[in-house]
Amino acid sequence: MVSSLLIFLTRIQYFLVHQQPAYKKDSMLMVKGRSRLSTELDKIISWLGQWVSFNEEVIASRNVLIGMFTYQGERWIDEAIESVFELNHSNWHLLIVDDGSTDGTPGKIRAWKEKCPERISHILLAKNRAPYNTINLGLEWLLEHPEYEVFTILDQDDVMVPDAMYKGLRLLGMSSQVVRCRNARYNIDFSEWFYDYFATTQLFIHREVIQRIGLRLERSVENPSDAEYLTRIFRDAVDIGYAVISTQGICQRMRVHGGNQILGQKTKAAKMLRDKLGLSEVE
């Protein structure tokens, strides 16, 4: 019963929110309205997820590929990787793709790989390939390694909470093949909480979904890559007949600093963050 309701709500969310994504030059009022509607639906779906049945042995057996896509992340990357090793789910592998960093990031990645060769793989690009979307290298790597059932992303400047995997994997099943992480934004040292939100990028995705919908758009195109990919996921969910569920608890803690793309947006949340950080308004 719960699974059928979650699938129904996913269909509603697709047709009301994701069928015509925000980059289609909607009015600002329409964009805000759809964003608010999406958040409220995510809250309902997240709440209902408490009653999804799960099997502890199945959760423990799931092999997860964590993709980390780095650029000039020397300041943060050690803490991000350490958070992966502190997870209470042990069946994971970390793939780090560096986009031609010129700081100490590649050296730190090599050191971690040498220290934990069975746990970590890396792809170190010789030079920055922007606007090429390096996440696609991770998706291609996943598809070439069938032993990994689930894919998720951790950014270089964020950290996973220890039970993040459990929160996501318990919701994955035949009737729910994608789980959105509920994350929290903080200041640089995590001493001040800003707000929680349902992620567009940080997802637990079953490999079969990726096999069906393919890779992400390149960043050179006009459409936002993360939002467009989530729209494709919802379309796939409607076509195949599964639910996209959001976790109730926090999966990742996200740093907000001058390098975050969100600070350049013209949204209420972005304005609040700029005010918190003492940054000027977007032109």
C-alpha atoms as a PDB file:
ATOM      1  CA  MET A   1       0.000   0.000   0.000  1.00  0.00           C
ATOM      2  CA  VAL A   2       2.756   2.452   0.990  1.00  0.00           C
ATOM      3  CA  SER A   3       4.811   1.601  -2.099  1.00  0.00           C
ATOM      4  CA  SER A   4       1.823   2.195  -4.392  1.00  0.00           C
ATOM      5  CA  LEU A   5       1.155   5.562  -2.746  1.00  0.00           C
ATOM      6  CA  LEU A   6       4.806   6.603  -3.110  1.00  0.00           C
ATOM      7  CA  ILE A   7       4.761   5.687  -6.808  1.00  0.00           C
ATOM      8  CA  PHE A   8       1.552   7.715  -7.231  1.00  0.00           C
ATOM      9  CA  LEU A   9       3.102  10.749  -5.499  1.00  0.00           C
ATOM     10  CA  THR A  10       6.203  10.446  -7.693  1.00  0.00           C
ATOM     11  CA  ARG A  11       3.961  10.651 -10.753  1.00  0.00           C
ATOM     12  CA  ILE A  12       2.258  13.741  -9.349  1.00  0.00           C
ATOM     13  CA  GLN A  13       5.627  15.338  -8.635  1.00  0.00           C
ATOM     14  CA  TYR A  14       6.804  14.675 -12.176  1.00  0.00           C
ATOM     15  CA  PHE A  15       3.724  16.085 -13.913  1.00  0.00           C
ATOM     16  CA  LEU A  16       3.352  19.119 -11.630  1.00  0.00           C
ATOM     17  CA  VAL A  17       6.996  19.975 -10.995  1.00  0.00           C
ATOM     18  CA  HIS A  18       9.517  18.196 -13.216  1.00  0.00           C
ATOM     19  CA  GLN A  19       7.784  17.750 -16.554  1.00  0.00           C
ATOM     20  CA  GLN A  20       8.626  21.326 -17.526  1.00  0.00           C
ATOM     21  CA  PRO A  21      11.863  22.092 -15.663  1.00  0.00           C
ATOM     22  CA  ALA A  22      12.697  25.566 -14.430  1.00  0.00           C
ATOM     23  CA  TYR A  23      15.237  26.346 -17.136  1.00  0.00           C
ATOM     24  CA  LYS A  24      12.378  26.690 -19.677  1.00  0.00           C
ATOM     25  CA  LYS A  25      12.193  30.457 -19.013  1.00  0.00           C
ATOM     26  CA  ASP A  26       9.216  30.336 -16.670  1.00  0.00           C
ATOM     27  CA  SER A  27       8.209  33.464 -14.780  1.00  0.00           C
ATOM     28  CA  MET A  28       9.932  33.888 -11.413  1.00  0.00           C
ATOM     29  CA  LEU A  29       6.583  33.461  -9.645  1.00  0.00           C
ATOM     30  CA  MET A  30       6.013  30.141 -11.425  1.00  0.00           C
ATOM     31  CA  VAL A  31       9.524  28.919 -10.617  1.00  0.00           C
ATOM     32  CA  LYS A  32       9.077  29.768  -6.930  1.00  0.00           C
ATOM     33  CA  GLY A  33       5.651  28.133  -6.850  1.00  0.00           C
ATOM     34  CA  ARG A  34       6.893  24.916  -8.383  1.00  0.00           C
ATOM     35  CA  SER A  35       9.919  24.886  -6.087  1.00  0.00           C
ATOM     36  CA  ARG A  36       7.685  25.245  -3.026  1.00  0.00           C
ATOM     37  CA  LEU A  37       5.355  22.523  -4.312  1.00  0.00           C
ATOM     38  CA  SER A  38       8.293  20.196  -4.930  1.00  0.00           C
ATOM     39  CA  THR A  39       9.601  20.750  -1.376  1.00  0.00           C
ATOM     40  CA  GLU A  40       6.217  20.024   0.185  1.00  0.00           C
ATOM     41  CA  LEU A  41       5.807  16.851  -1.870  1.00  0.00           C
ATOM     42  CA  ASP A  42       9.333  15.777  -0.882  1.00  0.00           C
ATOM     43  CA  LYS A  43       8.392  16.215   2.791  1.00  0.00           C
ATOM     44  CA  ILE A  44       5.310  14.026   2.393  1.00  0.00           C
ATOM     45  CA  ILE A  45       7.233  11.379   0.455  1.00  0.00           C
ATOM     46  CA  SER A  46      10.051  11.466   3.024  1.00  0.00           C
ATOM     47  CA  TRP A  47       7.568  10.991   5.867  1.00  0.00           C
ATOM     48  CA  LEU A  48       5.877   8.065   4.128  1.00  0.00           C
ATOM     49  CA  GLY A  49       9.274   6.451   3.579  1.00  0.00           C
ATOM     50  CA  GLN A  50       9.351   5.537   7.266  1.00  0.00           C
ATOM     51  CA  TRP A  51       6.918   2.726   6.514  1.00  0.00           C
ATOM     52  CA  VAL A  52       8.777   1.216   3.575  1.00  0.00           C
ATOM     53  CA  SER A  53       9.653  -2.396   4.394  1.00  0.00           C
ATOM     54  CA  PHE A  54      13.330  -3.354   4.188  1.00  0.00           C
ATOM     55  CA  ASN A  55      15.701  -6.258   4.773  1.00  0.00           C
ATOM     56  CA  GLU A  56      18.841  -5.680   6.870  1.00  0.00           C
ATOM     57  CA  GLU A  57      20.807  -8.360   5.007  1.00  0.00           C
ATOM     58  CA  VAL A  58      19.964  -6.837   1.634  1.00  0.00           C
ATOM     59  CA  ILE A  59      21.060  -3.397   2.852  1.00  0.00           C
ATOM     60  CA  ALA A  60      24.404  -4.744   4.107  1.00  0.00           C
ATOM     61  CA  SER A  61      25.057  -6.614   0.855  1.00  0.00           C
ATOM     62  CA  ARG A  62      24.592  -3.645  -1.478  1.00  0.00           C
ATOM     63  CA  ASN A  63      27.864  -2.588  -3.091  1.00  0.00           C
ATOM     64  CA  VAL A  64      27.968   1.195  -3.484  1.00  0.00           C
ATOM     65  CA  LEU A  65      30.253   3.284  -5.689  1.00  0.00           C
ATOM     66  CA  ILE A  66      30.837   6.739  -4.196  1.00  0.00           C
ATOM     67  CA  GLY A  67      31.917   9.292  -6.787  1.00  0.00           C
ATOM     68  CA  MET A  68      33.962  12.298  -5.665  1.00  0.00           C
ATOM     69  CA  PHE A  69      34.718  14.913  -8.341  1.00  0.00           C
ATOM     70  CA  THR A  70      37.433  17.309  -7.303  1.00  0.00           C
ATOM     71  CA  TYR A  71      39.049  20.545  -8.415  1.00  0.00           C
ATOM     72  CA  GLN A  72      41.365  22.656  -6.250  1.00  0.00           C
ATOM     73  CA  GLY A  73      40.028  20.851  -3.169  1.00  0.00           C
ATOM     74  CA  GLU A  74      43.248  20.611  -1.162  1.00  0.00           C
ATOM     75  CA  ARG A  75      41.696  22.391   1.828  1.00  0.00           C
ATOM     76  CA  TRP A  76      38.735  20.035   2.198  1.00  0.00           C
ATOM     77  CA  ILE A  77      39.385  16.664   0.618  1.00  0.00           C
ATOM     78  CA  ASP A  78      40.994  14.858   3.577  1.00  0.00           C
ATOM     79  CA  GLU A  79      37.962  15.459   5.786  1.00  0.00           C
ATOM     80  CA  ALA A  80      35.586  14.372   3.018  1.00  0.00           C
ATOM     81  CA  ILE A  81      37.461  11.075   2.487  1.00  0.00           C
ATOM     82  CA  GLU A  82      37.741  10.461   6.234  1.00  0.00           C
ATOM     83  CA  SER A  83      33.949  10.730   6.518  1.00  0.00           C
ATOM     84  CA  VAL A  84      33.613   7.888   3.996  1.00  0.00           C
ATOM     85  CA  PHE A  85      35.830   5.647   6.132  1.00  0.00           C
ATOM     86  CA  GLU A  86      33.635   6.442   9.144  1.00  0.00           C
ATOM     87  CA  LEU A  87      30.466   5.117   7.463  1.00  0.00           C
ATOM     88  CA  ASN A  88      28.733   2.270   9.284  1.00  0.00           C
ATOM     89  CA  HIS A  89      28.097   0.605   5.904  1.00  0.00           C
ATOM     90  CA  SER A  90      31.290  -1.190   4.849  1.00  0.00           C
ATOM     91  CA  ASN A  91      30.383  -2.337   1.328  1.00  0.00           C
ATOM     92  CA  TRP A  92      31.601   0.655  -0.698  1.00  0.00           C
ATOM     93  CA  HIS A  93      34.322   1.816  -3.086  1.00  0.00           C
ATOM     94  CA  LEU A  94      35.437   5.424  -3.567  1.00  0.00           C
ATOM     95  CA  LEU A  95      36.201   6.702  -7.079  1.00  0.00           C
ATOM     96  CA  ILE A  96      37.892  10.119  -7.129  1.00  0.00           C
ATOM     97  CA  VAL A  97      38.039  12.048 -10.405  1.00  0.00           C
ATOM     98  CA  ASP A  98      40.230  15.157 -10.325  1.00  0.00           C
ATOM     99  CA  ASP A  99      39.686  17.765 -13.040  1.00  0.00           C
ATOM    100  CA  GLY A 100      43.279  18.940 -13.461  1.00  0.00           C
ATOM    101  CA  SER A 101      43.828  20.593 -10.070  1.00  0.00           C
ATOM    102  CA  THR A 102      47.003  22.665  -9.785  1.00  0.00           C
ATOM    103  CA  ASP A 103      47.082  22.764  -5.974  1.00  0.00           C
ATOM    104  CA  GLY A 104      47.886  19.845  -3.658  1.00  0.00           C
ATOM    105  CA  THR A 105      44.705  17.907  -4.432  1.00  0.00           C
ATOM    106  CA  PRO A 106      46.277  15.295  -6.782  1.00  0.00           C
ATOM    107  CA  GLY A 107      49.040  14.592  -4.266  1.00  0.00           C
ATOM    108  CA  LYS A 108      46.523  14.004  -1.487  1.00  0.00           C
ATOM    109  CA  ILE A 109      44.513  11.686  -3.740  1.00  0.00           C
ATOM    110  CA  ARG A 110      47.616   9.651  -4.605  1.00  0.00           C
ATOM    111  CA  ALA A 111      48.497   9.388  -0.908  1.00  0.00           C
ATOM    112  CA  TRP A 112      45.026   8.069  -0.049  1.00  0.00           C
ATOM    113  CA  LYS A 113      45.170   5.618  -2.956  1.00  0.00           C
ATOM    114  CA  GLU A 114      48.555   4.310  -1.800  1.00  0.00           C
ATOM    115  CA  LYS A 115      47.271   3.984   1.750  1.00  0.00           C
ATOM    116  CA  CYS A 116      43.974   2.250   0.804  1.00  0.00           C
ATOM    117  CA  PRO A 117      44.419   0.683  -2.665  1.00  0.00           C
ATOM    118  CA  GLU A 118      41.509  -1.750  -2.286  1.00  0.00           C
ATOM    119  CA  ARG A 119      39.088   0.981  -1.246  1.00  0.00           C
ATOM    120  CA  ILE A 120      39.971   3.840  -3.593  1.00  0.00           C
ATOM    121  CA  SER A 121      40.383   4.280  -7.349  1.00  0.00           C
ATOM    122  CA  HIS A 122      41.231   7.538  -9.057  1.00  0.00           C
ATOM    123  CA  ILE A 123      41.271   9.286 -12.404  1.00  0.00           C
ATOM    124  CA  LEU A 124      43.642  12.273 -12.440  1.00  0.00           C
ATOM    125  CA  LEU A 125      43.164  14.471 -15.494  1.00  0.00           C
ATOM    126  CA  ALA A 126      46.298  16.217 -16.715  1.00  0.00           C
ATOM    127  CA  LYS A 127      44.483  19.535 -17.213  1.00  0.00           C
ATOM    128  CA  ASN A 128      41.127  21.051 -16.460  1.00  0.00           C
ATOM    129  CA  ARG A 129      38.489  19.972 -18.975  1.00  0.00           C
ATOM    130  CA  ALA A 130      35.777  22.482 -18.087  1.00  0.00           C
ATOM    131  CA  PRO A 131      33.035  22.726 -19.187  1.00  0.00           C
ATOM    132  CA  TYR A 132      33.189  18.929 -19.649  1.00  0.00           C
ATOM    133  CA  ASN A 133      31.076  17.231 -16.950  1.00  0.00           C
ATOM    134  CA  THR A 134      33.492  14.982 -15.047  1.00  0.00           C
ATOM    135  CA  ILE A 135      30.591  13.204 -13.322  1.00  0.00           C
ATOM    136  CA  ASN A 136      30.159  11.368 -16.623  1.00  0.00           C
ATOM    137  CA  LEU A 137      33.573   9.758 -16.111  1.00  0.00           C
ATOM    138  CA  GLY A 138      32.249   8.346 -12.863  1.00  0.00           C
ATOM    139  CA  LEU A 139      29.044   7.108 -14.489  1.00  0.00           C
ATOM    140  CA  GLU A 140      31.035   5.451 -17.270  1.00  0.00           C
ATOM    141  CA  TRP A 141      33.326   3.819 -14.683  1.00  0.00           C
ATOM    142  CA  LEU A 142      30.288   2.468 -12.841  1.00  0.00           C
ATOM    143  CA  LEU A 143      28.814   0.975 -16.009  1.00  0.00           C
ATOM    144  CA  GLU A 144      32.134  -0.740 -16.724  1.00  0.00           C
ATOM    145  CA  HIS A 145      32.141  -2.340 -13.257  1.00  0.00           C
ATOM    146  CA  PRO A 146      28.962  -4.416 -12.818  1.00  0.00           C
ATOM    147  CA  GLU A 147      29.868  -5.340  -9.244  1.00  0.00           C
ATOM    148  CA  TYR A 148      28.567  -1.946  -8.090  1.00  0.00           C
ATOM    149  CA  GLU A 149      24.788  -1.836  -7.682  1.00  0.00           C
ATOM    150  CA  VAL A 150      24.318   1.725  -6.439  1.00  0.00           C
ATOM    151  CA  PHE A 151      25.939   5.080  -7.290  1.00  0.00           C
ATOM    152  CA  THR A 152      26.092   8.188  -5.120  1.00  0.00           C
ATOM    153  CA  ILE A 153      28.101  11.438  -4.989  1.00  0.00           C
ATOM    154  CA  LEU A 154      30.053  13.185  -2.231  1.00  0.00           C
ATOM    155  CA  ASP A 155      31.516  16.595  -3.049  1.00  0.00           C
ATOM    156  CA  GLN A 156      35.116  17.348  -2.049  1.00  0.00           C
ATOM    157  CA  ASP A 157      34.121  20.013   0.495  1.00  0.00           C
ATOM    158  CA  ASP A 158      31.292  18.107   2.207  1.00  0.00           C
ATOM    159  CA  VAL A 159      31.092  15.169   4.609  1.00  0.00           C
ATOM    160  CA  MET A 160      28.843  12.134   4.951  1.00  0.00           C
ATOM    161  CA  VAL A 161      27.232  11.382   8.295  1.00  0.00           C
ATOM    162  CA  PRO A 162      28.080   7.872   9.581  1.00  0.00           C
ATOM    163  CA  ASP A 163      24.641   6.350   8.906  1.00  0.00           C
ATOM    164  CA  ALA A 164      24.102   8.068   5.542  1.00  0.00           C
ATOM    165  CA  MET A 165      24.284   4.810   3.604  1.00  0.00           C
ATOM    166  CA  TYR A 166      21.762   3.103   5.847  1.00  0.00           C
ATOM    167  CA  LYS A 167      19.307   5.984   5.502  1.00  0.00           C
ATOM    168  CA  GLY A 168      19.489   5.786   1.717  1.00  0.00           C
ATOM    169  CA  LEU A 169      19.870   2.066   1.076  1.00  0.00           C
ATOM    170  CA  ARG A 170      16.947   1.068   3.302  1.00  0.00           C
ATOM    171  CA  LEU A 171      14.651   2.923   0.888  1.00  0.00           C
ATOM    172  CA  LEU A 172      16.015   1.344  -2.292  1.00  0.00           C
ATOM    173  CA  GLY A 173      14.042  -1.543  -3.733  1.00  0.00           C
ATOM    174  CA  MET A 174      12.033  -2.721  -6.717  1.00  0.00           C
ATOM    175  CA  SER A 175       9.422  -0.027  -6.062  1.00  0.00           C
ATOM    176  CA  SER A 176      11.956   2.759  -5.334  1.00  0.00           C
ATOM    177  CA  GLN A 177      15.084   2.819  -7.480  1.00  0.00           C
ATOM    178  CA  VAL A 178      16.278   6.358  -6.659  1.00  0.00           C
ATOM    179  CA  VAL A 179      16.616   8.018  -3.247  1.00  0.00           C
ATOM    180  CA  ARG A 180      17.243  11.741  -2.763  1.00  0.00           C
ATOM    181  CA  CYS A 181      19.420  12.710   0.196  1.00  0.00           C
ATOM    182  CA  ARG A 182      18.162  15.198   2.701  1.00  0.00           C
ATOM    183  CA  ASN A 183      21.219  17.355   3.367  1.00  0.00           C
ATOM    184  CA  ALA A 184      22.092  20.324   5.565  1.00  0.00           C
ATOM    185  CA  ARG A 185      24.029  23.472   4.711  1.00  0.00           C
ATOM    186  CA  TYR A 186      26.510  24.888   7.227  1.00  0.00           C
ATOM    187  CA  ASN A 187      29.258  27.466   7.403  1.00  0.00           C
ATOM    188  CA  ILE A 188      32.861  26.484   6.670  1.00  0.00           C
ATOM    189  CA  ASP A 189      33.669  24.812  10.011  1.00  0.00           C
ATOM    190  CA  PHE A 190      30.171  23.304  10.502  1.00  0.00           C
ATOM    191  CA  SER A 191      29.645  25.436  13.620  1.00  0.00           C
ATOM    192  CA  GLU A 192      26.506  27.165  12.252  1.00  0.00           C
ATOM    193  CA  TRP A 193      23.572  25.376  10.621  1.00  0.00           C
ATOM    194  CA  PHE A 194      21.784  27.284   7.848  1.00  0.00           C
ATOM    195  CA  TYR A 195      19.005  25.012   6.576  1.00  0.00           C
ATOM    196  CA  ASP A 196      18.088  21.505   5.377  1.00  0.00           C
ATOM    197  CA  TYR A 197      17.089  20.687   1.807  1.00  0.00           C
ATOM    198  CA  PHE A 198      16.381  17.792  -0.545  1.00  0.00           C
ATOM    199  CA  ALA A 199      19.357  17.301  -2.848  1.00  0.00           C
ATOM    200  CA  THR A 200      19.342  17.426  -6.637  1.00  0.00           C
ATOM    201  CA  THR A 201      22.806  15.883  -7.058  1.00  0.00           C
ATOM    202  CA  GLN A 202      23.369  13.717  -3.976  1.00  0.00           C
ATOM    203  CA  LEU A 203      21.258  10.669  -4.799  1.00  0.00           C
ATOM    204  CA  PHE A 204      21.375   6.923  -4.316  1.00  0.00           C
ATOM    205  CA  ILE A 205      20.758   5.618  -7.851  1.00  0.00           C
ATOM    206  CA  HIS A 206      20.381   1.987  -8.844  1.00  0.00           C
ATOM    207  CA  ARG A 207      22.703   1.169 -11.757  1.00  0.00           C
ATOM    208  CA  GLU A 208      19.737   0.027 -13.885  1.00  0.00           C
ATOM    209  CA  VAL A 209      18.399   3.594 -13.843  1.00  0.00           C
ATOM    210  CA  ILE A 210      21.735   4.922 -15.109  1.00  0.00           C
ATOM    211  CA  GLN A 211      21.790   2.248 -17.812  1.00  0.00           C
ATOM    212  CA  ARG A 212      18.388   3.469 -19.005  1.00  0.00           C
ATOM    213  CA  ILE A 213      18.785   7.256 -18.824  1.00  0.00           C
ATOM    214  CA  GLY A 214      22.481   7.548 -19.737  1.00  0.00           C
ATOM    215  CA  LEU A 215      25.008  10.249 -18.891  1.00  0.00           C
ATOM    216  CA  ARG A 216      24.565  13.857 -17.827  1.00  0.00           C
ATOM    217  CA  LEU A 217      24.491  16.864 -20.102  1.00  0.00           C
ATOM    218  CA  GLU A 218      27.785  18.637 -20.572  1.00  0.00           C
ATOM    219  CA  ARG A 219      28.135  21.870 -18.623  1.00  0.00           C
ATOM    220  CA  SER A 220      28.565  23.835 -21.842  1.00  0.00           C
ATOM    221  CA  VAL A 221      24.866  23.617 -22.619  1.00  0.00           C
ATOM    222  CA  GLU A 222      22.369  26.176 -21.353  1.00  0.00           C
ATOM    223  CA  ASN A 223      20.329  23.773 -19.234  1.00  0.00           C
ATOM    224  CA  PRO A 224      21.467  23.107 -15.622  1.00  0.00           C
ATOM    225  CA  SER A 225      22.965  19.627 -15.653  1.00  0.00           C
ATOM    226  CA  ASP A 226      21.828  18.530 -12.169  1.00  0.00           C
ATOM    227  CA  ALA A 227      18.220  19.672 -12.589  1.00  0.00           C
ATOM    228  CA  GLU A 228      17.967  18.192 -16.076  1.00  0.00           C
ATOM    229  CA  TYR A 229      19.282  14.836 -14.862  1.00  0.00           C
ATOM    230  CA  LEU A 230      16.783  14.756 -11.995  1.00  0.00           C
ATOM    231  CA  THR A 231      14.006  15.481 -14.496  1.00  0.00           C
ATOM    232  CA  ARG A 232      15.130  12.493 -16.563  1.00  0.00           C
ATOM    233  CA  ILE A 233      15.097  10.352 -13.435  1.00  0.00           C
ATOM    234  CA  PHE A 234      11.502  11.349 -12.666  1.00  0.00           C
ATOM    235  CA  ARG A 235      10.500  10.670 -16.270  1.00  0.00           C
ATOM    236  CA  ASP A 236      12.096   7.223 -16.035  1.00  0.00           C
ATOM    237  CA  ALA A 237      10.275   6.595 -12.744  1.00  0.00           C
ATOM    238  CA  VAL A 238       6.948   7.379 -14.413  1.00  0.00           C
ATOM    239  CA  ASP A 239       7.750   5.227 -17.461  1.00  0.00           C
ATOM    240  CA  ILE A 240       8.995   2.219 -15.477  1.00  0.00           C
ATOM    241  CA  GLY A 241       6.697   2.596 -12.468  1.00  0.00           C
ATOM    242  CA  TYR A 242       8.838   3.188  -9.369  1.00  0.00           C
ATOM    243  CA  ALA A 243       9.074   5.850  -6.671  1.00  0.00           C
ATOM    244  CA  VAL A 244      11.724   8.530  -6.111  1.00  0.00           C
ATOM    245  CA  ILE A 245      11.948   8.774  -2.307  1.00  0.00           C
ATOM    246  CA  SER A 246      13.678  11.317  -0.067  1.00  0.00           C
ATOM    247  CA  THR A 247      15.433  10.384   3.164  1.00  0.00           C
ATOM    248  CA  GLN A 248      14.051  11.760   6.389  1.00  0.00           C
ATOM    249  CA  GLY A 249      17.357  12.110   8.221  1.00  0.00           C
ATOM    250  CA  ILE A 250      20.401  14.111   7.104  1.00  0.00           C
ATOM    251  CA  CYS A 251      22.863  12.233   4.860  1.00  0.00           C
ATOM    252  CA  GLN A 252      25.494  14.881   4.174  1.00  0.00           C
ATOM    253  CA  ARG A 253      26.673  18.107   5.766  1.00  0.00           C
ATOM    254  CA  MET A 254      27.464  20.698   3.094  1.00  0.00           C
ATOM    255  CA  ARG A 255      29.888  23.576   3.522  1.00  0.00           C
ATOM    256  CA  VAL A 256      28.916  26.962   2.121  1.00  0.00           C
ATOM    257  CA  HIS A 257      31.841  29.131   1.033  1.00  0.00           C
ATOM    258  CA  GLY A 258      32.781  31.526  -1.734  1.00  0.00           C
ATOM    259  CA  GLY A 259      33.243  28.759  -4.300  1.00  0.00           C
ATOM    260  CA  ASN A 260      29.687  27.389  -4.101  1.00  0.00           C
ATOM    261  CA  GLN A 261      27.565  27.815  -7.227  1.00  0.00           C
ATOM    262  CA  ILE A 262      24.420  28.377  -5.163  1.00  0.00           C
ATOM    263  CA  LEU A 263      25.739  31.761  -4.053  1.00  0.00           C
ATOM    264  CA  GLY A 264      25.344  33.045  -7.608  1.00  0.00           C
ATOM    265  CA  GLN A 265      21.651  32.170  -7.798  1.00  0.00           C
ATOM    266  CA  LYS A 266      18.790  34.650  -7.443  1.00  0.00           C
ATOM    267  CA  THR A 267      16.807  32.602  -4.939  1.00  0.00           C
ATOM    268  CA  LYS A 268      15.679  33.334  -1.397  1.00  0.00           C
ATOM    269  CA  ALA A 269      17.987  30.616  -0.027  1.00  0.00           C
ATOM    270  CA  ALA A 270      20.967  32.023  -1.968  1.00  0.00           C
ATOM    271  CA  LYS A 271      20.251  35.543  -0.700  1.00  0.00           C
ATOM    272  CA  MET A 272      20.101  34.279   2.866  1.00  0.00           C
ATOM    273  CA  LEU A 273      23.452  32.532   2.451  1.00  0.00           C
ATOM    274  CA  ARG A 274      25.074  35.623   0.912  1.00  0.00           C
ATOM    275  CA  ASP A 275      23.802  37.684   3.859  1.00  0.00           C
ATOM    276  CA  LYS A 276      25.208  35.110   6.296  1.00  0.00           C
ATOM    277  CA  LEU A 277      28.587  35.199   4.582  1.00  0.00           C
ATOM    278  CA  GLY A 278      28.599  38.979   4.050  1.00  0.00           C
ATOM    279  CA  LEU A 279      28.719  38.720   0.257  1.00  0.00           C
ATOM    280  CA  SER A 280      27.310  41.250  -2.207  1.00  0.00           C
ATOM    281  CA  GLU A 281      24.109  40.795  -4.189  1.00  0.00           C
ATOM    282  CA  VAL A 282      24.078  39.095  -7.604  1.00  0.00           C
ATOM    283  CA  GLU A 283      23.982  41.539 -10.499  1.00  0.00           C
END
